[in-house]
């Protein structure tokens, strides 16, 4: 070379070296760009995975929170149907758990993919997922909580089902009894009413019949006591409704009390009628007549005559109580006798008393007293010996048993008062 240096070869060598280094640099730059591009792509994948995770984690997290709330929900139920409804809903919920678990695994798999890409490429992940605060750890701990709550809910629902079944059993037990007792009380009430109205046989027959009824009613009491026991259990279980019966304990208690009162009152009425019949000497036929007449005018079958019903009865018997001044006065007088308490109604007993007082000869008491006076040899008292001597045995004993001791100053030991006896038997005396 014209410009031949003394050391040309070494210069060429350096030249060569520089050129080679430049090439290396070029290829390094190239590979670095490729590396950067690759990293950018990986970061983009990670970003997409983060976004995908966030999109699925949010609804899943909400679902778990809702589920936890439902599983701990306090429930108040009133019957078997309601608790069975809750159990069915819970079973349906349990059947969705396998699907839910698949979703959880899928969400956790997205996170695992992120870790894998980062590790494989040596990328250091800066902090958490920028799109959500829901961490994979929180998803797992909530899922675990759901898993624990499911059997607890199972147990709570089963316990409640048992309680409702027991309540239902208590309701049926009470209802079965009540549905028998209610109609039984009703029937007895109607039968007692019939006995005292129909007047079959003598008063003694009716009394015997009613006494049998009273006995059967008294013997029925254990059923009422048992029902009270069942009612107690129902109250303790806080049961407030019973679809198996229309009867309440209150209702049946009142019915039972009424039944006892009615039978006692009816027996008492018949006993009074017997006393009246014997005292006033009314025949059984006469009593039947009175009863028939009373029943005929007792239009509403209440067992008593209302004032208007009684007035119609009096008119039929020939009393002048038509609506004029005199009639009204007469009716007022009679009502004063038969209804002294102003109740507005006339009982059968008051009716008989009135009828027999009106129909018995008012002289009877005086006649009887006069007869006794003769037997007593004109004394104001009589002795047991005199009665036994003068009267048939059963009549003598009847008088002796019922006459009060004589209290007058002229009496002797064992003296009997025939005047008060006659007056009580046959009404007021004029003597």
Protein backbone atom coordinates (compact mmCIF):
# COMPACT_ATOMS: atom_id res chain seq x y z
CA UNK A 1 0.00 0.00 0.00
CA UNK A 2 1.18 3.46 -0.70
CA UNK A 3 0.21 4.36 2.78
CA UNK A 4 1.91 1.38 4.10
CA UNK A 5 2.46 1.68 7.74
CA UNK A 6 5.17 -0.11 9.35
CA UNK A 7 2.64 -2.15 11.35
CA UNK A 8 -0.21 -2.65 8.94
CA UNK A 9 -1.23 -6.18 10.03
CA UNK A 10 -1.98 -5.23 13.65
CA UNK A 11 -4.08 -2.27 12.56
CA UNK A 12 -6.08 -4.55 10.29
CA UNK A 13 -6.51 -6.95 13.14
CA UNK A 14 -7.94 -4.19 15.39
CA UNK A 15 -10.18 -3.12 12.64
CA UNK A 16 -11.38 -6.61 12.31
CA UNK A 17 -11.98 -6.81 16.09
CA UNK A 18 -13.99 -3.59 16.16
CA UNK A 19 -16.10 -4.81 13.30
CA UNK A 20 -16.74 -8.11 15.04
CA UNK A 21 -17.66 -6.40 18.33
CA UNK A 22 -20.06 -4.18 16.52
CA UNK A 23 -21.72 -7.21 15.06
CA UNK A 24 -21.92 -8.84 18.50
CA UNK A 25 -23.39 -5.66 19.88
CA UNK A 26 -25.91 -5.63 17.10
CA UNK A 27 -26.98 -9.19 17.74
CA UNK A 28 -27.09 -8.54 21.54
CA UNK A 29 -29.37 -5.59 20.97
CA UNK A 30 -31.53 -7.77 18.78
CA UNK A 31 -31.77 -10.54 21.34
CA UNK A 32 -32.39 -8.00 24.09
CA UNK A 33 -35.24 -6.48 22.13
CA UNK A 34 -36.61 -9.93 21.59
CA UNK A 35 -36.22 -10.67 25.29
CA UNK A 36 -38.01 -7.43 26.18
CA UNK A 37 -40.74 -8.14 23.69
CA UNK A 38 -41.11 -11.63 25.12
CA UNK A 39 -41.28 -10.27 28.70
CA UNK A 40 -43.85 -7.69 27.63
CA UNK A 41 -45.91 -10.49 26.12
CA UNK A 42 -45.63 -12.50 29.34
CA UNK A 43 -46.59 -9.50 31.43
CA UNK A 44 -49.56 -8.99 29.14
CA UNK A 45 -50.58 -12.61 29.66
CA UNK A 46 -50.22 -12.15 33.41
CA UNK A 47 -52.33 -9.00 33.18
CA UNK A 48 -55.04 -10.82 31.24
CA UNK A 49 -54.97 -13.67 33.79
CA UNK A 50 -55.23 -11.13 36.63
CA UNK A 51 -58.27 -9.59 34.96
CA UNK A 52 -59.87 -12.99 34.33
CA UNK A 53 -59.25 -13.89 38.00
CA UNK A 54 -60.83 -10.66 39.21
CA UNK A 55 -63.88 -11.11 36.98
CA UNK A 56 -64.57 -14.59 38.38
CA UNK A 57 -63.44 -14.09 41.97
CA UNK A 58 -65.87 -11.22 42.64
CA UNK A 59 -69.17 -13.09 41.99
CA UNK A 60 -67.79 -16.25 43.61
CA UNK A 61 -66.79 -14.29 46.70
CA UNK A 62 -70.27 -12.71 46.83
CA UNK A 63 -71.85 -16.14 46.47
CA UNK A 64 -69.79 -17.47 49.39
CA UNK A 65 -70.68 -14.51 51.60
CA UNK A 66 -74.36 -14.93 50.74
CA UNK A 67 -74.12 -18.65 51.45
CA UNK A 68 -72.50 -18.05 54.84
CA UNK A 69 -75.23 -15.60 55.73
CA UNK A 70 -77.98 -18.03 54.67
CA UNK A 71 -76.35 -20.91 56.52
CA UNK A 72 -76.32 -18.90 59.76
CA UNK A 73 -79.77 -17.42 59.22
CA UNK A 74 -81.98 -17.72 62.31
CA UNK A 75 -85.31 -19.24 61.36
CA UNK A 76 -88.70 -19.22 63.07
CA UNK A 77 -91.18 -21.79 61.81
CA UNK A 78 -94.66 -22.71 63.03
CA UNK A 79 -95.30 -26.08 61.44
CA UNK A 80 -93.85 -29.12 59.71
CA UNK A 81 -94.50 -27.73 56.20
CA UNK A 82 -92.40 -24.64 56.86
CA UNK A 83 -89.43 -26.57 58.26
CA UNK A 84 -89.65 -29.08 55.40
CA UNK A 85 -89.52 -26.13 53.01
CA UNK A 86 -86.26 -24.96 54.63
CA UNK A 87 -84.80 -28.47 54.56
CA UNK A 88 -85.63 -28.81 50.85
CA UNK A 89 -84.00 -25.45 50.13
CA UNK A 90 -80.91 -26.52 52.11
CA UNK A 91 -80.67 -29.83 50.22
CA UNK A 92 -80.87 -27.91 46.92
CA UNK A 93 -78.10 -25.62 48.14
CA UNK A 94 -75.93 -28.62 49.06
CA UNK A 95 -76.43 -30.05 45.59
CA UNK A 96 -74.81 -26.89 44.10
CA UNK A 97 -71.62 -27.29 46.16
CA UNK A 98 -69.73 -29.60 43.75
CA UNK A 99 -70.23 -27.03 40.94
CA UNK A 100 -69.14 -24.23 43.25
CA UNK A 101 -66.02 -26.16 44.17
CA UNK A 102 -65.16 -26.57 40.47
CA UNK A 103 -65.44 -22.80 40.07
CA UNK A 104 -63.17 -22.26 43.09
CA UNK A 105 -60.59 -24.64 41.63
CA UNK A 106 -60.79 -22.87 38.28
CA UNK A 107 -60.21 -19.48 39.94
CA UNK A 108 -57.25 -20.84 41.94
CA UNK A 109 -55.89 -22.39 38.70
CA UNK A 110 -55.78 -18.91 37.08
CA UNK A 111 -53.64 -17.70 39.99
CA UNK A 112 -51.41 -20.79 39.70
CA UNK A 113 -50.90 -20.05 35.99
CA UNK A 114 -49.70 -16.52 36.88
CA UNK A 115 -47.19 -17.95 39.38
CA UNK A 116 -45.99 -20.47 36.82
CA UNK A 117 -45.37 -17.86 34.08
CA UNK A 118 -43.57 -15.58 36.50
CA UNK A 119 -41.36 -18.31 37.95
CA UNK A 120 -40.51 -19.86 34.58
CA UNK A 121 -39.44 -16.54 33.17
CA UNK A 122 -37.88 -15.19 36.30
CA UNK A 123 -40.31 -12.31 36.49
CA UNK A 124 -40.67 -10.76 39.93
CA UNK A 125 -44.40 -10.00 40.53
CA UNK A 126 -44.93 -6.55 41.97
CA UNK A 127 -47.50 -6.90 44.83
CA UNK A 128 -51.05 -8.07 44.31
CA UNK A 129 -53.59 -8.33 41.55
CA UNK A 130 -54.34 -4.70 40.59
CA UNK A 131 -57.97 -5.51 39.66
CA UNK A 132 -59.22 -6.98 42.96
CA UNK A 133 -58.57 -7.16 46.69
CA UNK A 134 -59.90 -10.73 46.88
CA UNK A 135 -56.88 -12.92 47.59
CA UNK A 136 -56.71 -16.64 46.80
CA UNK A 137 -56.10 -17.17 50.53
CA UNK A 138 -59.34 -15.38 51.50
CA UNK A 139 -61.26 -17.47 48.94
CA UNK A 140 -59.98 -20.68 50.52
CA UNK A 141 -60.70 -19.59 54.09
CA UNK A 142 -64.27 -18.55 53.21
CA UNK A 143 -64.82 -21.81 51.37
CA UNK A 144 -63.63 -23.69 54.44
CA UNK A 145 -66.09 -21.71 56.59
CA UNK A 146 -68.94 -22.67 54.21
CA UNK A 147 -67.87 -26.32 54.51
CA UNK A 148 -68.09 -26.10 58.32
CA UNK A 149 -71.44 -24.31 58.35
CA UNK A 150 -73.24 -26.86 56.13
CA UNK A 151 -73.36 -29.73 58.70
CA UNK A 152 -74.18 -27.25 61.48
CA UNK A 153 -77.17 -26.08 59.45
CA UNK A 154 -78.12 -29.72 58.79
CA UNK A 155 -78.22 -30.32 62.52
CA UNK A 156 -80.20 -27.16 63.35
CA UNK A 157 -82.81 -27.99 60.70
CA UNK A 158 -83.09 -31.61 61.87
CA UNK A 159 -83.57 -30.49 65.48
CA UNK A 160 -86.29 -28.08 64.42
CA UNK A 161 -87.96 -30.79 62.32
CA UNK A 162 -88.01 -33.06 65.37
CA UNK A 163 -89.51 -30.24 67.44
CA UNK A 164 -92.19 -29.51 64.84
CA UNK A 165 -93.02 -33.22 64.55
CA UNK A 166 -93.40 -33.36 68.31
CA UNK A 167 -95.60 -30.22 68.23
CA UNK A 168 -97.71 -31.76 65.51
CA UNK A 169 -98.09 -34.90 67.58
CA UNK A 170 -99.23 -32.77 70.55
CA UNK A 171 -101.74 -30.97 68.32
CA UNK A 172 -103.17 -34.25 66.99
CA UNK A 173 -103.29 -35.77 70.46
CA UNK A 174 -105.26 -32.79 71.78
CA UNK A 175 -107.48 -32.62 68.68
CA UNK A 176 -108.39 -36.32 68.70
CA UNK A 177 -109.57 -35.98 72.29
CA UNK A 178 -111.25 -32.60 71.82
CA UNK A 179 -113.12 -33.78 68.73
CA UNK A 180 -114.65 -36.57 70.82
CA UNK A 181 -115.28 -34.59 74.01
CA UNK A 182 -116.90 -31.60 72.29
CA UNK A 183 -119.73 -33.57 70.64
CA UNK A 184 -120.09 -35.76 73.75
CA UNK A 185 -120.81 -32.68 75.90
CA UNK A 186 -123.18 -31.36 73.23
CA UNK A 187 -125.12 -34.65 73.08
CA UNK A 188 -125.41 -34.92 76.85
CA UNK A 189 -126.76 -31.35 77.05
CA UNK A 190 -129.41 -32.18 74.43
CA UNK A 191 -130.36 -35.46 76.09
CA UNK A 192 -130.80 -33.82 79.51
CA UNK A 193 -132.98 -31.19 77.88
CA UNK A 194 -135.11 -33.92 76.31
CA UNK A 195 -135.55 -35.89 79.55
CA UNK A 196 -136.84 -32.87 81.43
CA UNK A 197 -139.16 -31.81 78.60
CA UNK A 198 -140.55 -35.15 77.40
CA UNK A 199 -141.72 -36.29 80.86
CA UNK A 200 -141.56 -40.01 80.11
CA UNK A 201 -142.86 -42.01 83.07
CA UNK A 202 -143.25 -40.67 86.58
CA UNK A 203 -141.11 -37.96 88.12
CA UNK A 204 -139.32 -40.74 90.03
CA UNK A 205 -138.51 -42.43 86.71
CA UNK A 206 -137.11 -39.18 85.36
CA UNK A 207 -135.09 -38.66 88.52
CA UNK A 208 -133.62 -42.16 88.24
CA UNK A 209 -132.82 -41.53 84.58
CA UNK A 210 -131.15 -38.20 85.34
CA UNK A 211 -129.16 -39.70 88.21
CA UNK A 212 -127.74 -42.28 85.79
CA UNK A 213 -126.79 -39.43 83.48
CA UNK A 214 -125.15 -37.58 86.33
CA UNK A 215 -123.15 -40.71 87.15
CA UNK A 216 -122.00 -41.13 83.53
CA UNK A 217 -121.00 -37.47 83.45
CA UNK A 218 -119.00 -37.75 86.68
CA UNK A 219 -117.29 -40.88 85.31
CA UNK A 220 -116.33 -38.94 82.16
CA UNK A 221 -114.26 -36.45 84.17
CA UNK A 222 -110.88 -38.24 83.64
CA UNK A 223 -111.22 -37.48 79.91
CA UNK A 224 -111.46 -33.78 80.69
CA UNK A 225 -108.47 -34.01 83.05
CA UNK A 226 -106.42 -35.77 80.40
CA UNK A 227 -107.33 -33.09 77.88
CA UNK A 228 -106.23 -30.41 80.38
CA UNK A 229 -102.89 -32.24 80.61
CA UNK A 230 -102.50 -32.26 76.81
CA UNK A 231 -103.46 -28.59 76.73
CA UNK A 232 -100.75 -27.85 79.31
CA UNK A 233 -98.12 -29.52 77.08
CA UNK A 234 -99.32 -27.49 74.10
CA UNK A 235 -98.94 -24.25 76.05
CA UNK A 236 -95.49 -25.20 77.29
CA UNK A 237 -94.43 -25.91 73.70
CA UNK A 238 -95.70 -22.41 72.78
CA UNK A 239 -98.12 -23.75 70.18
CA UNK A 240 -100.78 -21.18 69.36
CA UNK A 241 -102.78 -22.83 66.58
CA UNK A 242 -104.32 -26.22 65.89
CA UNK A 243 -105.64 -26.97 62.41
CA UNK A 244 -106.90 -30.40 63.51
CA UNK A 245 -109.75 -29.11 65.67
CA UNK A 246 -112.10 -26.17 66.06
CA UNK A 247 -112.43 -26.77 69.81
CA UNK A 248 -110.31 -24.77 72.25
CA UNK A 249 -109.68 -25.78 75.86
CA UNK A 250 -111.49 -22.65 76.98
CA UNK A 251 -114.56 -23.59 74.91
CA UNK A 252 -114.63 -27.15 76.30
CA UNK A 253 -114.10 -26.02 79.90
CA UNK A 254 -117.12 -23.74 79.64
CA UNK A 255 -119.16 -26.56 78.03
CA UNK A 256 -118.18 -29.01 80.77
CA UNK A 257 -119.05 -26.56 83.56
CA UNK A 258 -122.39 -25.85 81.87
CA UNK A 259 -123.09 -29.57 81.64
CA UNK A 260 -122.43 -30.11 85.35
CA UNK A 261 -124.59 -27.11 86.27
CA UNK A 262 -127.40 -28.20 83.94
CA UNK A 263 -127.60 -31.77 85.24
CA UNK A 264 -127.51 -30.58 88.87
CA UNK A 265 -130.15 -27.93 88.19
CA UNK A 266 -132.40 -30.37 86.29
CA UNK A 267 -132.22 -32.97 89.08
CA UNK A 268 -133.01 -30.22 91.57
CA UNK A 269 -136.02 -29.13 89.49
CA UNK A 270 -137.44 -32.68 89.35
CA UNK A 271 -136.90 -33.09 93.12
CA UNK A 272 -138.79 -29.83 93.66
CA UNK A 273 -141.58 -31.03 91.38
CA UNK A 274 -141.87 -34.21 93.45
CA UNK A 275 -142.09 -32.13 96.65
CA UNK A 276 -144.66 -29.83 95.04
CA UNK A 277 -146.71 -32.76 93.75
CA UNK A 278 -146.71 -34.47 97.14
CA UNK A 279 -147.30 -31.29 99.11
CA UNK A 280 -150.10 -30.01 96.88
CA UNK A 281 -151.57 -33.41 96.15
CA UNK A 282 -151.22 -32.92 92.38
CA UNK A 283 -151.63 -36.14 90.42
CA UNK A 284 -149.05 -37.36 87.91
CA UNK A 285 -151.65 -36.78 85.13
CA UNK A 286 -152.18 -33.21 86.27
CA UNK A 287 -148.42 -32.65 86.24
CA UNK A 288 -148.25 -34.03 82.70
CA UNK A 289 -150.96 -31.59 81.72
CA UNK A 290 -148.97 -28.70 83.17
CA UNK A 291 -145.82 -29.86 81.43
CA UNK A 292 -147.56 -30.28 78.08
CA UNK A 293 -149.12 -26.85 78.41
CA UNK A 294 -145.74 -25.32 79.45
CA UNK A 295 -143.89 -26.99 76.55
CA UNK A 296 -146.56 -25.93 74.10
CA UNK A 297 -146.07 -22.27 74.92
CA UNK A 298 -142.27 -22.52 75.30
CA UNK A 299 -141.93 -21.70 71.60
CA UNK A 300 -138.16 -21.17 71.61
CA UNK A 301 -137.55 -24.38 73.65
CA UNK A 302 -135.49 -22.40 76.15
CA UNK A 303 -136.93 -24.36 79.10
CA UNK A 304 -138.52 -21.20 80.51
CA UNK A 305 -141.54 -19.17 79.42
CA UNK A 306 -140.75 -15.61 78.38
CA UNK A 307 -143.33 -13.05 79.62
CA UNK A 308 -145.17 -13.04 76.26
CA UNK A 309 -145.20 -16.85 76.08
CA UNK A 310 -146.57 -17.02 79.65
CA UNK A 311 -149.26 -14.46 78.81
CA UNK A 312 -150.41 -16.58 75.83
CA UNK A 313 -150.52 -19.60 78.17
CA UNK A 314 -152.65 -17.75 80.74
CA UNK A 315 -155.09 -16.59 78.06
CA UNK A 316 -155.48 -20.19 76.84
CA UNK A 317 -156.32 -21.16 80.44
CA UNK A 318 -159.07 -18.53 80.58
CA UNK A 319 -157.27 -15.75 82.47
CA UNK A 320 -158.28 -12.21 81.59
CA UNK A 321 -154.87 -10.68 80.82
CA UNK A 322 -155.70 -9.19 77.42
CA UNK A 323 -154.08 -5.85 76.64
CA UNK A 324 -156.34 -3.41 78.46
CA UNK A 325 -155.77 -1.61 81.71
CA UNK A 326 -157.39 -4.26 83.88
CA UNK A 327 -155.72 -7.12 81.96
CA UNK A 328 -152.30 -5.48 82.26
CA UNK A 329 -152.76 -4.99 85.99
CA UNK A 330 -153.79 -8.63 86.44
CA UNK A 331 -150.81 -9.84 84.36
CA UNK A 332 -148.44 -7.65 86.38
CA UNK A 333 -149.86 -9.14 89.60
CA UNK A 334 -149.37 -12.71 88.34
CA UNK A 335 -145.83 -11.99 87.04
CA UNK A 336 -145.03 -10.67 90.53
CA UNK A 337 -145.93 -14.09 91.91
CA UNK A 338 -144.25 -16.29 89.30
CA UNK A 339 -141.19 -14.11 88.67
CA UNK A 340 -140.36 -12.44 92.00
CA UNK A 341 -136.80 -11.60 90.86
CA UNK A 342 -137.95 -9.78 87.73
CA UNK A 343 -135.91 -11.97 85.41
CA UNK A 344 -138.58 -11.67 82.71
CA UNK A 345 -138.97 -15.46 82.49
CA UNK A 346 -141.08 -18.10 84.26
CA UNK A 347 -139.54 -21.46 85.23
CA UNK A 348 -141.55 -24.68 85.16
CA UNK A 349 -141.29 -24.86 88.95
CA UNK A 350 -142.79 -21.36 89.35
CA UNK A 351 -145.46 -22.31 86.78
CA UNK A 352 -146.53 -25.44 88.73
CA UNK A 353 -146.52 -23.54 92.01
CA UNK A 354 -148.78 -20.92 90.48
CA UNK A 355 -151.10 -23.39 88.74
CA UNK A 356 -151.47 -25.61 91.80
CA UNK A 357 -152.00 -22.63 94.09
CA UNK A 358 -154.68 -21.36 91.73
CA UNK A 359 -156.41 -24.71 91.32
CA UNK A 360 -156.21 -26.17 94.86
CA UNK A 361 -159.17 -25.46 97.05
CA UNK A 362 -157.97 -22.70 99.39
CA UNK A 363 -160.07 -24.17 102.21
CA UNK A 364 -157.94 -27.31 102.17
CA UNK A 365 -155.51 -26.10 104.84
CA UNK A 366 -158.35 -25.10 107.13
CA UNK A 367 -160.13 -28.41 106.55
CA UNK A 368 -156.99 -30.39 107.36
CA UNK A 369 -156.33 -28.34 110.49
CA UNK A 370 -159.92 -28.88 111.58
CA UNK A 371 -159.53 -32.63 111.03
CA UNK A 372 -156.30 -32.77 113.09
CA UNK A 373 -157.96 -30.69 115.82
CA UNK A 374 -160.64 -33.38 116.13
CA UNK A 375 -158.01 -36.14 116.24
CA UNK A 376 -156.14 -34.16 118.92
CA UNK A 377 -159.26 -33.82 121.07
CA UNK A 378 -159.36 -30.05 120.47
CA UNK A 379 -155.78 -29.43 121.65
CA UNK A 380 -153.44 -27.10 119.68
CA UNK A 381 -150.94 -29.94 119.38
CA UNK A 382 -151.04 -33.66 118.73
CA UNK A 383 -148.88 -36.54 119.97
CA UNK A 384 -147.31 -39.44 118.10
CA UNK A 385 -149.51 -41.89 120.03
CA UNK A 386 -152.70 -40.09 118.94
CA UNK A 387 -151.57 -40.07 115.30
CA UNK A 388 -150.72 -43.77 115.39
CA UNK A 389 -154.03 -44.55 117.02
CA UNK A 390 -156.14 -42.52 114.57
CA UNK A 391 -154.40 -42.89 111.19
CA UNK A 392 -153.24 -45.74 108.92
CA UNK A 393 -149.59 -46.63 109.80
CA UNK A 394 -147.89 -45.13 106.73
CA UNK A 395 -149.84 -41.86 107.01
CA UNK A 396 -149.16 -41.66 110.75
CA UNK A 397 -145.40 -42.17 110.23
CA UNK A 398 -145.40 -39.59 107.37
CA UNK A 399 -146.94 -36.98 109.72
CA UNK A 400 -144.72 -37.84 112.68
CA UNK A 401 -141.58 -37.59 110.54
CA UNK A 402 -142.55 -34.22 109.08
CA UNK A 403 -144.31 -32.36 111.90
CA UNK A 404 -142.24 -29.83 113.84
CA UNK A 405 -142.21 -29.99 117.67
CA UNK A 406 -144.97 -27.86 119.15
CA UNK A 407 -143.58 -24.70 120.78
CA UNK A 408 -146.68 -23.32 122.53
CA UNK A 409 -146.84 -22.79 126.34
CA UNK A 410 -149.56 -25.45 126.68
CA UNK A 411 -147.39 -28.20 125.12
CA UNK A 412 -146.21 -31.49 126.61
CA UNK A 413 -142.96 -33.40 125.89
CA UNK A 414 -143.18 -34.89 122.36
CA UNK A 415 -146.01 -32.53 121.33
CA UNK A 416 -146.22 -32.00 117.53
CA UNK A 417 -147.35 -28.90 115.65
CA UNK A 418 -150.11 -29.99 113.22
CA UNK A 419 -150.99 -26.40 112.25
CA UNK A 420 -147.66 -25.42 110.69
CA UNK A 421 -147.58 -28.85 109.03
CA UNK A 422 -151.00 -28.32 107.41
CA UNK A 423 -150.21 -24.78 106.35
CA UNK A 424 -146.91 -25.84 104.72
CA UNK A 425 -148.70 -28.69 102.95
CA UNK A 426 -151.70 -26.81 101.65
CA UNK A 427 -150.93 -23.11 101.57
CA UNK A 428 -151.96 -20.25 103.87
CA UNK A 429 -154.70 -20.84 106.38
CA UNK A 430 -157.36 -18.34 107.39
CA UNK A 431 -157.63 -19.74 110.93
